[in-house]
């Protein structure tokens, strides 16, 4: 599992920035930075959904989306949850 504190980069302030940073740490099949298409194959979410998550157009994803993101981006729920909105 990736952990935000393991990286020497500035800590992101939004879910979108966090997901972009975490994907940039993962290598795709070609050894380069993982593309959204490769992440789609890895977690099963569509490229448009992944794009919306990484650009901030989705800030409160459903439980099933969170589960797939955790698996695909290799994240712990605790690291992911700090970027979710508080109770309504």
PDB file of N, CA and C in Angstrom:
ATOM      1  N   UNK A   1       0.838  -1.181   0.000  1.00  0.00           N
ATOM      2  CA  UNK A   1       0.000   0.000   0.000  1.00  0.00           C
ATOM      3  C   UNK A   1       0.880   1.240   0.000  1.00  0.00           C
ATOM      4  N   UNK A   2       0.505   2.181  -0.809  1.00  0.00           N
ATOM      5  CA  UNK A   2       1.204   3.451  -0.833  1.00  0.00           C
ATOM      6  C   UNK A   2       0.819   4.252   0.392  1.00  0.00           C
ATOM      7  N   UNK A   3       1.720   5.072   0.853  1.00  0.00           N
ATOM      8  CA  UNK A   3       1.452   5.932   1.986  1.00  0.00           C
ATOM      9  C   UNK A   3       1.961   7.314   1.631  1.00  0.00           C
ATOM     10  N   UNK A   4       1.135   8.322   1.820  1.00  0.00           N
ATOM     11  CA  UNK A   4       1.501   9.684   1.439  1.00  0.00           C
ATOM     12  C   UNK A   4       2.813  10.090   2.085  1.00  0.00           C
ATOM     13  N   UNK A   5       3.023   9.728   3.327  1.00  0.00           N
ATOM     14  CA  UNK A   5       4.221  10.155   4.031  1.00  0.00           C
ATOM     15  C   UNK A   5       5.497   9.519   3.489  1.00  0.00           C
ATOM     16  N   UNK A   6       5.383   8.485   2.644  1.00  0.00           N
ATOM     17  CA  UNK A   6       6.559   7.835   2.086  1.00  0.00           C
ATOM     18  C   UNK A   6       7.201   8.651   0.971  1.00  0.00           C
ATOM     19  N   UNK A   7       6.493   9.610   0.424  1.00  0.00           N
ATOM     20  CA  UNK A   7       6.982  10.356  -0.719  1.00  0.00           C
ATOM     21  C   UNK A   7       7.531  11.704  -0.287  1.00  0.00           C
ATOM     22  N   UNK A   8       8.523  12.180  -1.006  1.00  0.00           N
ATOM     23  CA  UNK A   8       9.165  13.444  -0.675  1.00  0.00           C
ATOM     24  C   UNK A   8       8.479  14.619  -1.350  1.00  0.00           C
ATOM     25  N   UNK A   9       7.277  14.429  -1.816  1.00  0.00           N
ATOM     26  CA  UNK A   9       6.554  15.498  -2.481  1.00  0.00           C
ATOM     27  C   UNK A   9       5.677  16.214  -1.466  1.00  0.00           C
ATOM     28  N   UNK A  10       5.237  17.397  -1.844  1.00  0.00           N
ATOM     29  CA  UNK A  10       4.333  18.158  -0.996  1.00  0.00           C
ATOM     30  C   UNK A  10       3.029  17.386  -0.837  1.00  0.00           C
ATOM     31  N   UNK A  11       2.473  17.403   0.363  1.00  0.00           N
ATOM     32  CA  UNK A  11       1.228  16.699   0.626  1.00  0.00           C
ATOM     33  C   UNK A  11       0.088  17.395  -0.104  1.00  0.00           C
ATOM     34  N   UNK A  12      -0.671  16.657  -0.897  1.00  0.00           N
ATOM     35  CA  UNK A  12      -1.782  17.261  -1.639  1.00  0.00           C
ATOM     36  C   UNK A  12      -2.879  17.747  -0.686  1.00  0.00           C
ATOM     37  N   UNK A  13      -3.656  18.705  -1.146  1.00  0.00           N
ATOM     38  CA  UNK A  13      -4.726  19.257  -0.313  1.00  0.00           C
ATOM     39  C   UNK A  13      -6.116  18.821  -0.771  1.00  0.00           C
ATOM     40  N   UNK A  14      -6.200  18.163  -1.925  1.00  0.00           N
ATOM     41  CA  UNK A  14      -7.494  17.714  -2.436  1.00  0.00           C
ATOM     42  C   UNK A  14      -7.418  16.250  -2.833  1.00  0.00           C
ATOM     43  N   UNK A  15      -8.564  15.614  -2.902  1.00  0.00           N
ATOM     44  CA  UNK A  15      -8.620  14.229  -3.373  1.00  0.00           C
ATOM     45  C   UNK A  15      -8.054  14.125  -4.782  1.00  0.00           C
ATOM     46  N   UNK A  16      -8.400  15.066  -5.632  1.00  0.00           N
ATOM     47  CA  UNK A  16      -7.925  15.041  -7.022  1.00  0.00           C
ATOM     48  C   UNK A  16      -6.395  15.073  -7.080  1.00  0.00           C
ATOM     49  N   UNK A  17      -5.797  15.991  -6.362  1.00  0.00           N
ATOM     50  CA  UNK A  17      -4.338  16.112  -6.360  1.00  0.00           C
ATOM     51  C   UNK A  17      -3.689  14.869  -5.755  1.00  0.00           C
ATOM     52  N   UNK A  18      -4.300  14.334  -4.713  1.00  0.00           N
ATOM     53  CA  UNK A  18      -3.788  13.121  -4.074  1.00  0.00           C
ATOM     54  C   UNK A  18      -3.777  11.958  -5.065  1.00  0.00           C
ATOM     55  N   UNK A  19      -4.884  11.755  -5.779  1.00  0.00           N
ATOM     56  CA  UNK A  19      -4.959  10.642  -6.731  1.00  0.00           C
ATOM     57  C   UNK A  19      -3.970  10.823  -7.882  1.00  0.00           C
ATOM     58  N   UNK A  20      -3.842  12.038  -8.390  1.00  0.00           N
ATOM     59  CA  UNK A  20      -2.858  12.290  -9.457  1.00  0.00           C
ATOM     60  C   UNK A  20      -1.445  11.966  -8.969  1.00  0.00           C
ATOM     61  N   UNK A  21      -1.132  12.415  -7.750  1.00  0.00           N
ATOM     62  CA  UNK A  21       0.197  12.165  -7.205  1.00  0.00           C
ATOM     63  C   UNK A  21       0.447  10.666  -7.019  1.00  0.00           C
ATOM     64  N   UNK A  22      -0.543   9.962  -6.517  1.00  0.00           N
ATOM     65  CA  UNK A  22      -0.370   8.532  -6.293  1.00  0.00           C
ATOM     66  C   UNK A  22      -0.218   7.771  -7.610  1.00  0.00           C
ATOM     67  N   UNK A  23      -0.987   8.159  -8.625  1.00  0.00           N
ATOM     68  CA  UNK A  23      -0.853   7.492  -9.931  1.00  0.00           C
ATOM     69  C   UNK A  23       0.518   7.780 -10.534  1.00  0.00           C
ATOM     70  N   UNK A  24       1.037   8.980 -10.303  1.00  0.00           N
ATOM     71  CA  UNK A  24       2.350   9.322 -10.864  1.00  0.00           C
ATOM     72  C   UNK A  24       3.458   8.473 -10.253  1.00  0.00           C
ATOM     73  N   UNK A  25       3.201   7.881  -9.087  1.00  0.00           N
ATOM     74  CA  UNK A  25       4.187   7.028  -8.437  1.00  0.00           C
ATOM     75  C   UNK A  25       4.153   5.594  -8.963  1.00  0.00           C
ATOM     76  N   UNK A  26       3.107   5.255  -9.693  1.00  0.00           N
ATOM     77  CA  UNK A  26       2.952   3.894 -10.203  1.00  0.00           C
ATOM     78  C   UNK A  26       3.438   3.810 -11.644  1.00  0.00           C
ATOM     79  N   UNK A  27       4.137   2.741 -11.960  1.00  0.00           N
ATOM     80  CA  UNK A  27       4.625   2.541 -13.323  1.00  0.00           C
ATOM     81  C   UNK A  27       3.617   1.736 -14.123  1.00  0.00           C
ATOM     82  N   UNK A  28       3.396   2.155 -15.346  1.00  0.00           N
ATOM     83  CA  UNK A  28       2.520   1.418 -16.247  1.00  0.00           C
ATOM     84  C   UNK A  28       3.245   0.240 -16.866  1.00  0.00           C
ATOM     85  N   UNK A  29       2.575  -0.417 -17.788  1.00  0.00           N
ATOM     86  CA  UNK A  29       3.139  -1.601 -18.442  1.00  0.00           C
ATOM     87  C   UNK A  29       4.422  -1.289 -19.210  1.00  0.00           C
ATOM     88  N   UNK A  30       4.552  -0.061 -19.675  1.00  0.00           N
ATOM     89  CA  UNK A  30       5.731   0.321 -20.446  1.00  0.00           C
ATOM     90  C   UNK A  30       6.846   0.890 -19.570  1.00  0.00           C
ATOM     91  N   UNK A  31       6.648   0.865 -18.248  1.00  0.00           N
ATOM     92  CA  UNK A  31       7.661   1.367 -17.332  1.00  0.00           C
ATOM     93  C   UNK A  31       7.594   2.865 -17.103  1.00  0.00           C
ATOM     94  N   UNK A  32       6.732   3.546 -17.829  1.00  0.00           N
ATOM     95  CA  UNK A  32       6.554   4.988 -17.653  1.00  0.00           C
ATOM     96  C   UNK A  32       5.406   5.241 -16.697  1.00  0.00           C
ATOM     97  N   UNK A  33       5.136   6.513 -16.450  1.00  0.00           N
ATOM     98  CA  UNK A  33       4.031   6.890 -15.571  1.00  0.00           C
ATOM     99  C   UNK A  33       2.741   6.220 -16.040  1.00  0.00           C
ATOM    100  N   UNK A  34       1.978   5.704 -15.111  1.00  0.00           N
ATOM    101  CA  UNK A  34       0.746   4.994 -15.446  1.00  0.00           C
ATOM    102  C   UNK A  34      -0.282   5.961 -16.030  1.00  0.00           C
ATOM    103  N   UNK A  35      -0.855   5.582 -17.147  1.00  0.00           N
ATOM    104  CA  UNK A  35      -1.891   6.393 -17.798  1.00  0.00           C
ATOM    105  C   UNK A  35      -3.250   6.106 -17.164  1.00  0.00           C
ATOM    106  N   UNK A  36      -4.220   6.965 -17.456  1.00  0.00           N
ATOM    107  CA  UNK A  36      -5.583   6.710 -16.992  1.00  0.00           C
ATOM    108  C   UNK A  36      -6.134   5.428 -17.612  1.00  0.00           C
ATOM    109  N   UNK A  37      -5.745   5.145 -18.849  1.00  0.00           N
ATOM    110  CA  UNK A  37      -6.201   3.915 -19.500  1.00  0.00           C
ATOM    111  C   UNK A  37      -5.653   2.688 -18.769  1.00  0.00           C
ATOM    112  N   UNK A  38      -4.400   2.735 -18.387  1.00  0.00           N
ATOM    113  CA  UNK A  38      -3.812   1.612 -17.641  1.00  0.00           C
ATOM    114  C   UNK A  38      -4.479   1.485 -16.271  1.00  0.00           C
ATOM    115  N   UNK A  39      -4.779   2.609 -15.635  1.00  0.00           N
ATOM    116  CA  UNK A  39      -5.463   2.563 -14.345  1.00  0.00           C
ATOM    117  C   UNK A  39      -6.864   1.987 -14.513  1.00  0.00           C
ATOM    118  N   UNK A  40      -7.527   2.334 -15.610  1.00  0.00           N
ATOM    119  CA  UNK A  40      -8.845   1.768 -15.919  1.00  0.00           C
ATOM    120  C   UNK A  40      -8.765   0.241 -15.958  1.00  0.00           C
ATOM    121  N   UNK A  41      -7.753  -0.281 -16.645  1.00  0.00           N
ATOM    122  CA  UNK A  41      -7.593  -1.741 -16.733  1.00  0.00           C
ATOM    123  C   UNK A  41      -7.295  -2.343 -15.362  1.00  0.00           C
ATOM    124  N   UNK A  42      -6.630  -1.595 -14.536  1.00  0.00           N
ATOM    125  CA  UNK A  42      -6.218  -2.086 -13.225  1.00  0.00           C
ATOM    126  C   UNK A  42      -7.362  -2.099 -12.206  1.00  0.00           C
ATOM    127  N   UNK A  43      -8.232  -1.074 -12.241  1.00  0.00           N
ATOM    128  CA  UNK A  43      -9.262  -0.983 -11.195  1.00  0.00           C
ATOM    129  C   UNK A  43     -10.688  -1.164 -11.705  1.00  0.00           C
ATOM    130  N   UNK A  44     -10.880  -1.133 -13.022  1.00  0.00           N
ATOM    131  CA  UNK A  44     -12.202  -1.378 -13.568  1.00  0.00           C
ATOM    132  C   UNK A  44     -13.108  -0.170 -13.657  1.00  0.00           C
ATOM    133  N   UNK A  45     -12.637   0.989 -13.240  1.00  0.00           N
ATOM    134  CA  UNK A  45     -13.419   2.218 -13.407  1.00  0.00           C
ATOM    135  C   UNK A  45     -13.147   2.785 -14.792  1.00  0.00           C
ATOM    136  N   UNK A  46     -14.152   3.415 -15.384  1.00  0.00           N
ATOM    137  CA  UNK A  46     -13.973   3.974 -16.724  1.00  0.00           C
ATOM    138  C   UNK A  46     -12.987   5.137 -16.693  1.00  0.00           C
ATOM    139  N   UNK A  47     -12.376   5.394 -17.828  1.00  0.00           N
ATOM    140  CA  UNK A  47     -11.449   6.519 -17.944  1.00  0.00           C
ATOM    141  C   UNK A  47     -12.154   7.838 -17.613  1.00  0.00           C
ATOM    142  N   UNK A  48     -13.398   8.079 -18.096  1.00  0.00           N
ATOM    143  CA  UNK A  48     -14.066   9.336 -17.714  1.00  0.00           C
ATOM    144  C   UNK A  48     -14.274   9.479 -16.200  1.00  0.00           C
ATOM    145  N   UNK A  49     -14.606   8.386 -15.516  1.00  0.00           N
ATOM    146  CA  UNK A  49     -14.778   8.458 -14.056  1.00  0.00           C
ATOM    147  C   UNK A  49     -13.434   8.769 -13.390  1.00  0.00           C
ATOM    148  N   UNK A  50     -12.386   8.088 -13.811  1.00  0.00           N
ATOM    149  CA  UNK A  50     -11.063   8.356 -13.253  1.00  0.00           C
ATOM    150  C   UNK A  50     -10.649   9.803 -13.504  1.00  0.00           C
ATOM    151  N   UNK A  51     -10.923  10.293 -14.696  1.00  0.00           N
ATOM    152  CA  UNK A  51     -10.597  11.678 -15.029  1.00  0.00           C
ATOM    153  C   UNK A  51     -11.363  12.648 -14.127  1.00  0.00           C
ATOM    154  N   UNK A  52     -12.634  12.378 -13.903  1.00  0.00           N
ATOM    155  CA  UNK A  52     -13.433  13.243 -13.028  1.00  0.00           C
ATOM    156  C   UNK A  52     -12.892  13.228 -11.599  1.00  0.00           C
ATOM    157  N   UNK A  53     -12.448  12.080 -11.129  1.00  0.00           N
ATOM    158  CA  UNK A  53     -11.859  12.000  -9.791  1.00  0.00           C
ATOM    159  C   UNK A  53     -10.556  12.796  -9.713  1.00  0.00           C
ATOM    160  N   UNK A  54      -9.725  12.672 -10.749  1.00  0.00           N
ATOM    161  CA  UNK A  54      -8.415  13.318 -10.729  1.00  0.00           C
ATOM    162  C   UNK A  54      -8.451  14.802 -11.089  1.00  0.00           C
ATOM    163  N   UNK A  55      -9.586  15.289 -11.559  1.00  0.00           N
ATOM    164  CA  UNK A  55      -9.706  16.722 -11.854  1.00  0.00           C
ATOM    165  C   UNK A  55     -10.608  17.436 -10.856  1.00  0.00           C
ATOM    166  N   UNK A  56     -11.141  16.698  -9.897  1.00  0.00           N
ATOM    167  CA  UNK A  56     -11.939  17.322  -8.853  1.00  0.00           C
ATOM    168  C   UNK A  56     -13.402  17.488  -9.172  1.00  0.00           C
ATOM    169  N   UNK A  57     -13.860  16.938 -10.301  1.00  0.00           N
ATOM    170  CA  UNK A  57     -15.282  17.047 -10.631  1.00  0.00           C
ATOM    171  C   UNK A  57     -16.118  16.073  -9.819  1.00  0.00           C
ATOM    172  N   UNK A  58     -15.482  15.056  -9.240  1.00  0.00           N
ATOM    173  CA  UNK A  58     -16.137  14.155  -8.285  1.00  0.00           C
ATOM    174  C   UNK A  58     -15.341  14.263  -6.993  1.00  0.00           C
ATOM    175  N   UNK A  59     -15.995  14.707  -5.924  1.00  0.00           N
ATOM    176  CA  UNK A  59     -15.296  14.883  -4.650  1.00  0.00           C
ATOM    177  C   UNK A  59     -15.829  13.969  -3.556  1.00  0.00           C
ATOM    178  N   UNK A  60     -16.965  13.321  -3.803  1.00  0.00           N
ATOM    179  CA  UNK A  60     -17.583  12.443  -2.806  1.00  0.00           C
ATOM    180  C   UNK A  60     -18.009  11.139  -3.501  1.00  0.00           C
ATOM    181  N   UNK A  61     -17.025  10.281  -3.854  1.00  0.00           N
ATOM    182  CA  UNK A  61     -17.333   9.069  -4.623  1.00  0.00           C
ATOM    183  C   UNK A  61     -18.142   8.052  -3.810  1.00  0.00           C
ATOM    184  N   UNK A  62     -18.835   7.180  -4.528  1.00  0.00           N
ATOM    185  CA  UNK A  62     -19.629   6.126  -3.884  1.00  0.00           C
ATOM    186  C   UNK A  62     -18.702   5.080  -3.258  1.00  0.00           C
ATOM    187  N   UNK A  63     -19.273   4.245  -2.417  1.00  0.00           N
ATOM    188  CA  UNK A  63     -18.503   3.195  -1.762  1.00  0.00           C
ATOM    189  C   UNK A  63     -17.856   2.235  -2.735  1.00  0.00           C
ATOM    190  N   UNK A  64     -18.593   1.850  -3.780  1.00  0.00           N
ATOM    191  CA  UNK A  64     -18.024   0.912  -4.755  1.00  0.00           C
ATOM    192  C   UNK A  64     -16.882   1.558  -5.540  1.00  0.00           C
ATOM    193  N   UNK A  65     -16.994   2.857  -5.808  1.00  0.00           N
ATOM    194  CA  UNK A  65     -15.906   3.567  -6.491  1.00  0.00           C
ATOM    195  C   UNK A  65     -14.688   3.644  -5.589  1.00  0.00           C
ATOM    196  N   UNK A  66     -14.904   3.945  -4.322  1.00  0.00           N
ATOM    197  CA  UNK A  66     -13.790   4.014  -3.370  1.00  0.00           C
ATOM    198  C   UNK A  66     -13.064   2.678  -3.313  1.00  0.00           C
ATOM    199  N   UNK A  67     -13.810   1.594  -3.242  1.00  0.00           N
ATOM    200  CA  UNK A  67     -13.195   0.263  -3.174  1.00  0.00           C
ATOM    201  C   UNK A  67     -12.298   0.011  -4.381  1.00  0.00           C
ATOM    202  N   UNK A  68     -12.797   0.349  -5.559  1.00  0.00           N
ATOM    203  CA  UNK A  68     -11.995   0.138  -6.776  1.00  0.00           C
ATOM    204  C   UNK A  68     -10.777   1.055  -6.823  1.00  0.00           C
ATOM    205  N   UNK A  69     -10.937   2.287  -6.360  1.00  0.00           N
ATOM    206  CA  UNK A  69      -9.803   3.222  -6.320  1.00  0.00           C
ATOM    207  C   UNK A  69      -8.729   2.699  -5.369  1.00  0.00           C
ATOM    208  N   UNK A  70      -9.141   2.240  -4.195  1.00  0.00           N
ATOM    209  CA  UNK A  70      -8.172   1.714  -3.226  1.00  0.00           C
ATOM    210  C   UNK A  70      -7.374   0.568  -3.820  1.00  0.00           C
ATOM    211  N   UNK A  71      -8.050  -0.330  -4.524  1.00  0.00           N
ATOM    212  CA  UNK A  71      -7.375  -1.474  -5.138  1.00  0.00           C
ATOM    213  C   UNK A  71      -6.457  -1.030  -6.280  1.00  0.00           C
ATOM    214  N   UNK A  72      -6.980  -0.195  -7.174  1.00  0.00           N
ATOM    215  CA  UNK A  72      -6.203   0.199  -8.346  1.00  0.00           C
ATOM    216  C   UNK A  72      -5.007   1.077  -8.031  1.00  0.00           C
ATOM    217  N   UNK A  73      -5.203   2.037  -7.121  1.00  0.00           N
ATOM    218  CA  UNK A  73      -4.126   2.964  -6.767  1.00  0.00           C
ATOM    219  C   UNK A  73      -3.257   2.421  -5.633  1.00  0.00           C
ATOM    220  N   UNK A  74      -3.607   1.238  -5.119  1.00  0.00           N
ATOM    221  CA  UNK A  74      -2.879   0.592  -4.024  1.00  0.00           C
ATOM    222  C   UNK A  74      -2.782   1.508  -2.801  1.00  0.00           C
ATOM    223  N   UNK A  75      -3.932   1.959  -2.335  1.00  0.00           N
ATOM    224  CA  UNK A  75      -3.997   2.899  -1.223  1.00  0.00           C
ATOM    225  C   UNK A  75      -4.640   2.262  -0.003  1.00  0.00           C
ATOM    226  N   UNK A  76      -4.306   2.779   1.155  1.00  0.00           N
ATOM    227  CA  UNK A  76      -5.021   2.399   2.372  1.00  0.00           C
ATOM    228  C   UNK A  76      -6.242   3.312   2.485  1.00  0.00           C
ATOM    229  N   UNK A  77      -7.276   2.822   3.139  1.00  0.00           N
ATOM    230  CA  UNK A  77      -8.469   3.646   3.314  1.00  0.00           C
ATOM    231  C   UNK A  77      -8.152   4.885   4.146  1.00  0.00           C
ATOM    232  N   UNK A  78      -7.289   4.769   5.134  1.00  0.00           N
ATOM    233  CA  UNK A  78      -6.965   5.920   5.986  1.00  0.00           C
ATOM    234  C   UNK A  78      -6.358   7.064   5.182  1.00  0.00           C
ATOM    235  N   UNK A  79      -5.440   6.748   4.271  1.00  0.00           N
ATOM    236  CA  UNK A  79      -4.845   7.803   3.441  1.00  0.00           C
ATOM    237  C   UNK A  79      -5.891   8.429   2.534  1.00  0.00           C
ATOM    238  N   UNK A  80      -6.758   7.608   1.955  1.00  0.00           N
ATOM    239  CA  UNK A  80      -7.808   8.095   1.053  1.00  0.00           C
ATOM    240  C   UNK A  80      -8.840   8.923   1.800  1.00  0.00           C
ATOM    241  N   UNK A  81      -9.238   8.467   2.981  1.00  0.00           N
ATOM    242  CA  UNK A  81     -10.340   9.083   3.723  1.00  0.00           C
ATOM    243  C   UNK A  81     -10.059  10.505   4.165  1.00  0.00           C
ATOM    244  N   UNK A  82      -8.805  10.866   4.332  1.00  0.00           N
ATOM    245  CA  UNK A  82      -8.510  12.241   4.773  1.00  0.00           C
ATOM    246  C   UNK A  82      -8.918  13.287   3.741  1.00  0.00           C
ATOM    247  N   UNK A  83      -9.176  12.849   2.518  1.00  0.00           N
ATOM    248  CA  UNK A  83      -9.571  13.777   1.453  1.00  0.00           C
ATOM    249  C   UNK A  83     -11.073  13.754   1.171  1.00  0.00           C
ATOM    250  N   UNK A  84     -11.829  12.938   1.888  1.00  0.00           N
ATOM    251  CA  UNK A  84     -13.268  12.879   1.689  1.00  0.00           C
ATOM    252  C   UNK A  84     -13.951  13.993   2.476  1.00  0.00           C
ATOM    253  N   UNK A  85     -15.091  14.487   1.978  1.00  0.00           N
ATOM    254  CA  UNK A  85     -15.799  15.524   2.722  1.00  0.00           C
ATOM    255  C   UNK A  85     -16.302  14.992   4.053  1.00  0.00           C
ATOM    256  N   UNK A  86     -16.447  15.880   5.021  1.00  0.00           N
ATOM    257  CA  UNK A  86     -16.958  15.497   6.336  1.00  0.00           C
ATOM    258  C   UNK A  86     -18.438  15.168   6.278  1.00  0.00           C
ATOM    259  N   UNK A  87     -18.994  14.767   7.417  1.00  0.00           N
ATOM    260  CA  UNK A  87     -20.420  14.434   7.468  1.00  0.00           C
ATOM    261  C   UNK A  87     -21.282  15.630   7.076  1.00  0.00           C
ATOM    262  N   UNK A  88     -22.420  15.307   6.471  1.00  0.00           N
ATOM    263  CA  UNK A  88     -23.318  16.382   6.021  1.00  0.00           C
ATOM    264  C   UNK A  88     -24.310  16.734   7.090  1.00  0.00           C
TER     265      UNK A  88
END
